[in-house]
C-alpha atoms as a PDB file:
ATOM      1  CA  MET A   1       0.199  -0.025   0.136  1.00  0.00           C
ATOM      2  CA  ASP A   2       1.661   3.389  -1.122  1.00  0.00           C
ATOM      3  CA  ILE A   3       0.300   5.720   1.503  1.00  0.00           C
ATOM      4  CA  ALA A   4       2.199   9.229   1.382  1.00  0.00           C
ATOM      5  CA  LYS A   5       2.245  12.071   3.725  1.00  0.00           C
ATOM      6  CA  SER A   6      -0.711  14.410   3.250  1.00  0.00           C
ATOM      7  CA  ASP A   7      -2.923  11.676   1.671  1.00  0.00           C
ATOM      8  CA  LEU A   8      -6.501  11.070   2.970  1.00  0.00           C
ATOM      9  CA  VAL A   9      -7.157   7.673   4.651  1.00  0.00           C
ATOM     10  CA  LEU A  10     -10.224   5.885   5.750  1.00  0.00           C
ATOM     11  CA  ALA A  11      -9.876   4.042   9.046  1.00  0.00           C
ATOM     12  CA  THR A  12     -11.025   0.489   8.691  1.00  0.00           C
ATOM     13  CA  ALA A  13     -10.314  -0.902  11.998  1.00  0.00           C
ATOM     14  CA  GLY A  14     -10.755   0.418  15.869  1.00  0.00           C
ATOM     15  CA  ARG A  15     -13.010   3.048  17.180  1.00  0.00           C
ATOM     16  CA  GLU A  16     -12.056   5.469  14.566  1.00  0.00           C
ATOM     17  CA  LYS A  17     -13.750   2.939  11.788  1.00  0.00           C
ATOM     18  CA  GLY A  18     -15.119   4.816   8.874  1.00  0.00           C
ATOM     19  CA  ARG A  19     -13.598   8.133   9.734  1.00  0.00           C
ATOM     20  CA  LEU A  20     -11.249  10.139   7.236  1.00  0.00           C
ATOM     21  CA  PHE A  21      -7.970  11.417   8.378  1.00  0.00           C
ATOM     22  CA  PHE A  22      -4.797  13.361   6.866  1.00  0.00           C
ATOM     23  CA  VAL A  23      -1.479  11.215   7.111  1.00  0.00           C
ATOM     24  CA  VAL A  24       0.765  13.719   9.066  1.00  0.00           C
ATOM     25  CA  ASP A  25       3.856  11.451   8.927  1.00  0.00           C
ATOM     26  CA  VAL A  26       4.633   7.862   7.891  1.00  0.00           C
ATOM     27  CA  GLN A  27       6.888   5.729  10.205  1.00  0.00           C
ATOM     28  CA  ASN A  28       7.718   2.267   9.149  1.00  0.00           C
ATOM     29  CA  GLU A  29       4.312   0.260   9.256  1.00  0.00           C
ATOM     30  CA  TYR A  30       2.846   3.216  11.239  1.00  0.00           C
ATOM     31  CA  LEU A  31       0.946   6.147  10.155  1.00  0.00           C
ATOM     32  CA  LEU A  32       0.474   9.410  12.242  1.00  0.00           C
ATOM     33  CA  LEU A  33      -3.021  10.684  11.585  1.00  0.00           C
ATOM     34  CA  ALA A  34      -4.970  13.925  12.162  1.00  0.00           C
ATOM     35  CA  ASP A  35      -8.691  14.973  11.355  1.00  0.00           C
ATOM     36  CA  GLY A  36      -8.440  18.386  12.766  1.00  0.00           C
ATOM     37  CA  LYS A  37     -11.322  17.914  15.184  1.00  0.00           C
ATOM     38  CA  SER A  38     -10.956  15.215  17.514  1.00  0.00           C
ATOM     39  CA  ARG A  39      -7.300  14.198  16.630  1.00  0.00           C
ATOM     40  CA  ARG A  40      -5.389  17.556  16.213  1.00  0.00           C
ATOM     41  CA  LEU A  41      -1.992  17.984  14.457  1.00  0.00           C
ATOM     42  CA  GLU A  42      -0.226  18.357  18.028  1.00  0.00           C
ATOM     43  CA  ALA A  43      -1.178  14.993  19.023  1.00  0.00           C
ATOM     44  CA  PRO A  44      -2.015  12.588  16.003  1.00  0.00           C
ATOM     45  CA  LYS A  45      -3.234   9.037  16.232  1.00  0.00           C
ATOM     46  CA  ARG A  46      -0.876   6.313  15.554  1.00  0.00           C
ATOM     47  CA  LYS A  47      -2.306   3.638  13.405  1.00  0.00           C
ATOM     48  CA  LYS A  48      -0.839   0.584  11.548  1.00  0.00           C
ATOM     49  CA  CYS A  49      -0.899   0.838   7.772  1.00  0.00           C
ATOM     50  CA  ARG A  50      -3.064  -2.284   7.558  1.00  0.00           C
ATOM     51  CA  HIS A  51      -5.735  -0.534   9.525  1.00  0.00           C
ATOM     52  CA  VAL A  52      -6.422   2.175   7.038  1.00  0.00           C
ATOM     53  CA  GLN A  53      -7.636   2.425   3.370  1.00  0.00           C
ATOM     54  CA  ARG A  54      -5.997   5.153   1.230  1.00  0.00           C
ATOM     55  CA  ALA A  55      -8.985   7.326  -0.066  1.00  0.00           C
ATOM     56  CA  GLY A  56      -7.256   9.778  -1.982  1.00  0.00           C
ATOM     57  CA  ALA A  57      -4.687  12.326  -2.286  1.00  0.00           C
ATOM     58  CA  ALA A  58      -5.037  15.537  -0.588  1.00  0.00           C
ATOM     59  CA  PRO A  59      -6.446  18.564  -2.653  1.00  0.00           C
ATOM     60  CA  GLU A  60      -3.373  20.645  -3.948  1.00  0.00           C
ATOM     61  CA  ASP A  61      -4.536  23.785  -2.181  1.00  0.00           C
ATOM     62  CA  SER A  62      -4.653  21.924   1.317  1.00  0.00           C
ATOM     63  CA  ALA A  63      -1.330  23.103   2.824  1.00  0.00           C
ATOM     64  CA  PHE A  64      -2.550  22.930   6.294  1.00  0.00           C
ATOM     65  CA  GLU A  65      -0.537  24.032   9.320  1.00  0.00           C
ATOM     66  CA  ALA A  66      -3.383  24.393  11.738  1.00  0.00           C
ATOM     67  CA  SER A  67      -5.673  21.806  13.048  1.00  0.00           C
ATOM     68  CA  SER A  68      -8.776  24.001  12.260  1.00  0.00           C
ATOM     69  CA  SER A  69      -7.380  24.245   8.871  1.00  0.00           C
ATOM     70  CA  ALA A  70      -7.267  20.255   8.741  1.00  0.00           C
ATOM     71  CA  ALA A  71     -10.706  19.916   9.638  1.00  0.00           C
ATOM     72  CA  SER A  72     -12.027  22.473   6.973  1.00  0.00           C
ATOM     73  CA  CYS A  73      -9.976  20.759   4.346  1.00  0.00           C
ATOM     74  CA  LEU A  74     -11.582  17.256   5.401  1.00  0.00           C
ATOM     75  CA  ALA A  75     -15.057  19.106   5.343  1.00  0.00           C
ATOM     76  CA  GLY A  76     -14.289  20.855   1.954  1.00  0.00           C
ATOM     77  CA  SER A  77     -13.722  17.372   0.396  1.00  0.00           C
ATOM     78  CA  GLY A  78     -17.164  16.542   0.322  1.00  0.00           C
ATOM     79  CA  LEU A  79     -16.225  13.134   1.667  1.00  0.00           C
ATOM     80  CA  TYR A  80     -16.429  13.811   5.363  1.00  0.00           C
ATOM     81  CA  PRO A  81     -18.988  16.121   7.123  1.00  0.00           C
ATOM     82  CA  ILE A  82     -17.424  17.632  10.305  1.00  0.00           C
END
């Protein structure tokens, strides 16, 4: 699975199942995920690659630096109502 930083992923396991996240960082078999609402950029969720599914690349203009911006990008994608 080729998941890169700033991709959108869908959680397929755990209490976050069915929710979309941005990939903040990739560390071997783990991903650091944030959605800007429950998981902020300051405290991303650590999840194994096998527990997510790639949902697409982040929009070109979604250079987010703040958690609120990450949340608005996810809401603006039309895939995830926040």
